[in-house]
Amino acid sequence: MANLKEIKRKIGSVKNTQKTTNAMKLVSSAKLKRTEELAKRSRVYAAKLTELIEEIAQKMQQSSAEGIDNVYFKDVQNPKIVDIVFITADKGLCGGFNSQTIKRVNQLIAKYQEKDVKVRLRAVGRKGIDYFKFNNMELNDEIIGLSAAPDFKQASEFISEVAESYVNGETEKIVLVHNGYVNMITQEVKEDHVLPVDTTKLELNTVSTSELEVEPDDDDTLLDALVKRYIEYTMYYSLIDSLAAEHSARMQAMDAATTNAKEMVKELTVKYNKARQESITTELIEIISGMESMK
């Protein structure tokens, strides 16, 4: 009988867990829809900003035989110091979402260290911070709460400090790593070279049809302002993209957990019924045996 009580207790516990995971799945699904819509709007803004940078950079390239002479566009073939900014979630229960980002960061660290490049880490998100601190790895900067609730002002302040260290010559390259949203069932780790601006991704050799007119003396000033905003928005968009991927990953993880809980309840129910039948059979045999012994 004690065995029956234990099985029944397990069934009740698993059912409660099932209710929790199903609720978390529904919450993540609702949050994903809102974040996905925000990400779509952000992509449009980022595309327009990139077009403006391409336009100004193209005009500067055409007006100078030496190409673009701007601190944000200098090409360093063999950097000695690299800053890696990475984004993870503040919470778990989202499958391999955080571990995939951490794995890519570790791969980058190993790659740069093989070339005797000094790597400085700047972390966004509790899970990544906890991992690297546990492994006794130094973090130059860290922030908790931003990945769970992306804020443009906070994101701008965070990445602006990193960009300032680049302008001052304290670092020669800035890489941004995050696990991004592809669709409802797929996430993809993305690696963006924030600074210097990757000119291979800009269409600088196309024929411009824009009516934008900029005085030569204003080129540098305008390009600096646009690149700063581009860097800020790259950080902000990455946070939104990461949050959408996090909700997607958690929705999948909770859906799998709910399904597993259902299967476990079925197995425990079968086990409970078998144990109950055995208990009843044993009691009947004892009753019959007692009656036989009294004859």
Protein backbone atom coordinates (compact mmCIF):
# COMPACT_ATOMS: atom_id res chain seq x y z
CA MET A 1 0.00 0.00 0.00
CA ALA A 2 2.93 2.31 0.80
CA ASN A 3 4.16 1.72 -2.76
CA LEU A 4 0.79 2.84 -4.15
CA LYS A 5 0.91 6.04 -2.12
CA GLU A 6 4.42 6.80 -3.38
CA ILE A 7 3.40 6.30 -7.04
CA LYS A 8 0.30 8.43 -6.55
CA ARG A 9 2.45 11.17 -5.00
CA LYS A 10 4.80 11.07 -8.00
CA ILE A 11 1.87 11.32 -10.42
CA GLY A 12 0.60 14.40 -8.61
CA SER A 13 4.06 15.98 -8.60
CA VAL A 14 4.60 15.37 -12.32
CA LYS A 15 1.16 16.77 -13.15
CA ASN A 16 1.98 19.95 -11.23
CA THR A 17 5.25 20.23 -13.13
CA GLN A 18 3.36 19.70 -16.37
CA LYS A 19 1.02 22.59 -15.56
CA THR A 20 4.01 24.84 -14.80
CA THR A 21 5.93 24.00 -17.99
CA ASN A 22 2.80 24.41 -20.11
CA ALA A 23 2.14 27.83 -18.55
CA MET A 24 5.75 28.88 -19.19
CA LYS A 25 5.41 27.75 -22.79
CA LEU A 26 2.29 29.91 -23.28
CA VAL A 27 3.97 32.93 -21.64
CA SER A 28 7.06 32.58 -23.86
CA SER A 29 4.85 32.23 -26.93
CA ALA A 30 3.03 35.50 -26.14
CA LYS A 31 6.31 37.32 -25.39
CA LEU A 32 7.87 35.98 -28.59
CA LYS A 33 5.12 37.49 -30.74
CA ARG A 34 5.70 40.95 -29.24
CA THR A 35 9.49 40.72 -29.47
CA GLU A 36 9.36 39.36 -33.03
CA GLU A 37 7.30 42.37 -34.12
CA LEU A 38 9.76 44.75 -32.44
CA ALA A 39 12.66 43.00 -34.17
CA LYS A 40 11.01 43.43 -37.58
CA ARG A 41 10.61 47.18 -37.04
CA SER A 42 14.18 47.46 -35.79
CA ARG A 43 15.53 45.72 -38.90
CA VAL A 44 13.90 48.35 -41.12
CA TYR A 45 15.54 51.19 -39.17
CA ALA A 46 18.92 49.42 -39.20
CA ALA A 47 18.69 48.93 -42.98
CA LYS A 48 18.01 52.65 -43.56
CA LEU A 49 20.88 53.61 -41.27
CA THR A 50 23.22 51.29 -43.19
CA GLU A 51 22.13 52.86 -46.48
CA LEU A 52 23.08 56.32 -45.18
CA ILE A 53 26.49 55.11 -44.01
CA GLU A 54 27.08 53.48 -47.41
CA GLU A 55 26.14 56.73 -49.15
CA ILE A 56 28.49 58.95 -47.12
CA ALA A 57 31.31 56.39 -47.16
CA GLN A 58 30.97 56.03 -50.93
CA LYS A 59 31.24 59.79 -51.44
CA MET A 60 34.33 59.92 -49.21
CA GLN A 61 35.90 57.01 -51.09
CA GLN A 62 35.30 58.68 -54.44
CA SER A 63 36.67 62.04 -53.31
CA SER A 64 39.94 60.65 -51.89
CA ALA A 65 42.58 58.62 -53.68
CA GLU A 66 43.53 56.98 -50.37
CA GLY A 67 40.00 55.78 -49.69
CA ILE A 68 38.11 56.35 -46.44
CA ASP A 69 40.33 58.06 -43.86
CA ASN A 70 38.22 57.54 -40.77
CA VAL A 71 39.04 55.96 -37.39
CA TYR A 72 35.95 53.74 -37.54
CA PHE A 73 36.99 52.31 -40.91
CA LYS A 74 40.69 51.61 -40.33
CA ASP A 75 41.55 48.05 -41.31
CA VAL A 76 43.79 46.24 -38.79
CA GLN A 77 45.01 42.97 -40.27
CA ASN A 78 46.67 41.63 -37.12
CA PRO A 79 45.04 43.15 -34.03
CA LYS A 80 46.84 42.78 -30.72
CA ILE A 81 43.83 43.46 -28.48
CA VAL A 82 40.26 42.34 -29.21
CA ASP A 83 37.12 43.07 -27.20
CA ILE A 84 34.42 40.40 -27.30
CA VAL A 85 30.96 41.61 -26.27
CA PHE A 86 28.55 38.72 -25.77
CA ILE A 87 24.88 38.45 -24.83
CA THR A 88 23.28 35.66 -22.82
CA ALA A 89 20.00 35.39 -20.92
CA ASP A 90 19.48 36.23 -17.26
CA LYS A 91 17.44 33.05 -16.79
CA GLY A 92 17.74 29.39 -17.70
CA LEU A 93 15.15 26.77 -18.71
CA CYS A 94 15.73 27.55 -22.40
CA GLY A 95 17.57 24.46 -23.62
CA GLY A 96 21.02 25.05 -25.11
CA PHE A 97 20.37 28.73 -25.83
CA ASN A 98 23.03 30.10 -23.46
CA SER A 99 25.53 27.27 -23.87
CA GLN A 100 25.68 27.83 -27.64
CA THR A 101 26.70 31.47 -27.17
CA ILE A 102 29.24 30.58 -24.49
CA LYS A 103 30.66 27.86 -26.76
CA ARG A 104 31.18 30.38 -29.60
CA VAL A 105 32.85 32.85 -27.23
CA ASN A 106 35.22 30.12 -26.01
CA GLN A 107 36.05 29.24 -29.63
CA LEU A 108 36.85 32.88 -30.39
CA ILE A 109 39.02 33.18 -27.27
CA ALA A 110 40.98 30.07 -28.30
CA LYS A 111 41.34 31.35 -31.87
CA TYR A 112 42.72 34.72 -30.82
CA GLN A 113 44.96 33.32 -28.09
CA GLU A 114 46.61 31.05 -30.68
CA LYS A 115 47.68 34.26 -32.45
CA ASP A 116 48.90 35.84 -29.18
CA VAL A 117 46.02 38.31 -29.21
CA LYS A 118 44.82 39.68 -25.88
CA VAL A 119 41.08 39.15 -25.42
CA ARG A 120 38.92 41.34 -23.18
CA LEU A 121 35.43 40.09 -22.33
CA ARG A 122 32.38 42.29 -21.85
CA ALA A 123 29.28 40.39 -20.75
CA VAL A 124 25.55 41.04 -20.92
CA GLY A 125 23.35 38.53 -19.08
CA ARG A 126 23.63 36.63 -15.81
CA LYS A 127 24.20 33.17 -17.32
CA GLY A 128 27.30 34.18 -19.25
CA ILE A 129 28.65 36.21 -16.33
CA ASP A 130 28.18 33.31 -13.92
CA TYR A 131 29.89 30.87 -16.30
CA PHE A 132 33.05 32.90 -16.86
CA LYS A 133 33.33 33.93 -13.21
CA PHE A 134 33.01 30.28 -12.18
CA ASN A 135 35.87 29.48 -14.57
CA ASN A 136 37.97 32.32 -13.09
CA MET A 137 38.03 34.36 -16.30
CA GLU A 138 38.24 38.12 -16.00
CA LEU A 139 35.37 40.28 -17.27
CA ASN A 140 36.17 43.88 -18.20
CA ASP A 141 32.53 44.87 -18.04
CA GLU A 142 29.26 43.22 -17.10
CA ILE A 143 25.59 44.12 -16.90
CA ILE A 144 22.56 42.14 -15.67
CA GLY A 145 18.95 42.88 -16.61
CA LEU A 146 19.59 44.40 -20.04
CA SER A 147 19.15 41.17 -22.00
CA ALA A 148 15.81 40.47 -20.30
CA ALA A 149 14.49 43.99 -20.95
CA PRO A 150 16.38 45.70 -23.81
CA ASP A 151 16.60 49.46 -23.35
CA PHE A 152 18.10 51.67 -26.04
CA LYS A 153 19.60 54.19 -23.62
CA GLN A 154 21.30 51.52 -21.50
CA ALA A 155 22.46 49.63 -24.58
CA SER A 156 23.90 52.85 -26.04
CA GLU A 157 25.78 53.69 -22.86
CA PHE A 158 27.19 50.18 -22.61
CA ILE A 159 28.46 49.90 -26.20
CA SER A 160 29.59 53.57 -26.32
CA GLU A 161 32.14 52.86 -23.58
CA VAL A 162 33.47 49.96 -25.65
CA ALA A 163 33.59 52.12 -28.80
CA GLU A 164 35.41 54.86 -26.89
CA SER A 165 38.14 52.42 -25.90
CA TYR A 166 38.49 51.59 -29.61
CA VAL A 167 38.80 55.25 -30.61
CA ASN A 168 41.38 55.79 -27.84
CA GLY A 169 43.44 52.89 -29.12
CA GLU A 170 42.89 50.65 -26.09
CA THR A 171 41.49 47.93 -28.34
CA GLU A 172 41.79 47.32 -32.07
CA LYS A 173 38.70 45.24 -32.77
CA ILE A 174 35.25 44.78 -31.27
CA VAL A 175 33.26 41.59 -31.87
CA LEU A 176 29.63 41.14 -30.79
CA VAL A 177 28.33 37.60 -30.22
CA HIS A 178 24.72 36.63 -29.53
CA ASN A 179 22.29 33.79 -30.21
CA GLY A 180 19.82 35.23 -32.71
CA TYR A 181 16.28 34.46 -33.80
CA VAL A 182 15.73 32.74 -37.17
CA ASN A 183 12.22 31.37 -36.80
CA MET A 184 9.93 29.76 -34.22
CA ILE A 185 12.04 26.60 -34.00
CA THR A 186 15.52 27.80 -34.97
CA GLN A 187 18.15 29.99 -33.31
CA GLU A 188 21.53 30.85 -34.78
CA VAL A 189 24.66 32.17 -33.08
CA LYS A 190 25.68 35.41 -34.78
CA GLU A 191 29.10 37.03 -34.76
CA ASP A 192 29.25 40.70 -35.81
CA HIS A 193 32.46 42.67 -36.28
CA VAL A 194 31.25 45.97 -34.85
CA LEU A 195 34.52 47.93 -35.16
CA PRO A 196 36.24 48.63 -37.39
CA VAL A 197 33.25 48.81 -39.73
CA ASP A 198 33.41 45.88 -42.10
CA THR A 199 33.49 47.57 -45.52
CA THR A 200 33.04 44.20 -47.28
CA LYS A 201 29.42 44.25 -46.06
CA LEU A 202 28.84 47.75 -47.42
CA GLU A 203 27.96 48.33 -51.06
CA LEU A 204 30.56 51.03 -51.77
CA ASN A 205 31.13 50.24 -55.44
CA THR A 206 27.55 50.58 -56.66
CA VAL A 207 26.33 53.54 -58.68
CA SER A 208 24.51 55.88 -56.34
CA THR A 209 21.10 57.23 -57.33
CA SER A 210 20.61 59.18 -54.12
CA GLU A 211 20.02 62.94 -54.15
CA LEU A 212 21.84 63.36 -50.85
CA GLU A 213 24.28 66.28 -50.97
CA VAL A 214 26.96 66.69 -48.36
CA GLU A 215 29.71 69.31 -48.20
CA PRO A 216 33.21 67.71 -48.24
CA ASP A 217 34.07 69.29 -44.88
CA ASP A 218 30.99 67.72 -43.32
CA ASP A 219 31.70 64.17 -44.51
CA ASP A 220 33.75 63.10 -41.50
CA THR A 221 31.44 64.72 -38.97
CA LEU A 222 28.34 63.18 -40.47
CA LEU A 223 29.96 59.77 -40.93
CA ASP A 224 31.16 59.76 -37.29
CA ALA A 225 27.66 60.59 -36.05
CA LEU A 226 26.08 57.92 -38.26
CA VAL A 227 28.60 55.24 -37.28
CA LYS A 228 28.07 55.99 -33.58
CA ARG A 229 24.32 55.59 -34.03
CA TYR A 230 24.93 52.47 -36.13
CA ILE A 231 27.01 50.92 -33.32
CA GLU A 232 24.37 51.81 -30.71
CA TYR A 233 21.57 50.37 -32.79
CA THR A 234 23.58 47.23 -33.61
CA MET A 235 23.84 46.60 -29.88
CA TYR A 236 20.16 47.36 -29.28
CA TYR A 237 19.00 45.18 -32.17
CA SER A 238 21.23 42.32 -31.01
CA LEU A 239 19.57 42.48 -27.59
CA ILE A 240 16.11 42.32 -29.17
CA ASP A 241 17.19 39.53 -31.53
CA SER A 242 18.67 37.60 -28.60
CA LEU A 243 15.52 38.06 -26.52
CA ALA A 244 13.33 36.76 -29.35
CA ALA A 245 15.62 33.73 -29.70
CA GLU A 246 15.51 33.19 -25.94
CA HIS A 247 11.69 33.14 -25.90
CA SER A 248 11.71 30.78 -28.89
CA ALA A 249 14.20 28.44 -27.20
CA ARG A 250 12.30 28.50 -23.90
CA MET A 251 9.01 27.83 -25.69
CA GLN A 252 10.56 24.75 -27.34
CA ALA A 253 12.18 23.57 -24.10
CA MET A 254 8.93 23.94 -22.14
CA ASP A 255 6.95 22.22 -24.90
CA ALA A 256 9.39 19.28 -24.77
CA ALA A 257 9.19 19.24 -20.96
CA THR A 258 5.37 19.24 -21.07
CA THR A 259 5.37 16.36 -23.55
CA ASN A 260 7.84 14.40 -21.40
CA ALA A 261 5.67 15.05 -18.32
CA LYS A 262 2.62 13.66 -20.16
CA GLU A 263 4.53 10.51 -21.08
CA MET A 264 5.76 10.14 -17.51
CA VAL A 265 2.22 10.48 -16.14
CA LYS A 266 1.10 7.73 -18.52
CA GLU A 267 3.92 5.43 -17.42
CA LEU A 268 3.31 6.12 -13.74
CA THR A 269 -0.45 5.57 -14.18
CA VAL A 270 0.19 2.17 -15.78
CA LYS A 271 2.61 1.35 -12.96
CA TYR A 272 0.03 2.50 -10.38
CA ASN A 273 -2.73 0.35 -11.92
CA LYS A 274 -0.46 -2.72 -12.02
CA ALA A 275 0.57 -2.20 -8.40
CA ARG A 276 -3.08 -1.73 -7.41
CA GLN A 277 -4.10 -4.93 -9.19
CA GLU A 278 -1.28 -6.79 -7.50
CA SER A 279 -2.36 -5.40 -4.13
CA ILE A 280 -6.00 -6.44 -4.69
CA THR A 281 -4.93 -9.89 -5.90
CA THR A 282 -2.70 -10.36 -2.83
CA GLU A 283 -5.55 -9.33 -0.50
CA LEU A 284 -7.98 -11.77 -2.21
CA ILE A 285 -5.47 -14.61 -1.94
CA GLU A 286 -4.99 -13.85 1.76
CA ILE A 287 -8.77 -13.80 2.37
CA ILE A 288 -9.32 -17.05 0.48
CA SER A 289 -6.37 -18.68 2.26
CA GLY A 290 -7.76 -17.58 5.63
CA MET A 291 -11.21 -18.98 4.83
CA GLU A 292 -9.69 -22.29 3.69
CA SER A 293 -7.69 -22.61 6.89
CA MET A 294 -10.84 -22.16 8.99
CA LYS A 295 -12.62 -25.16 7.39
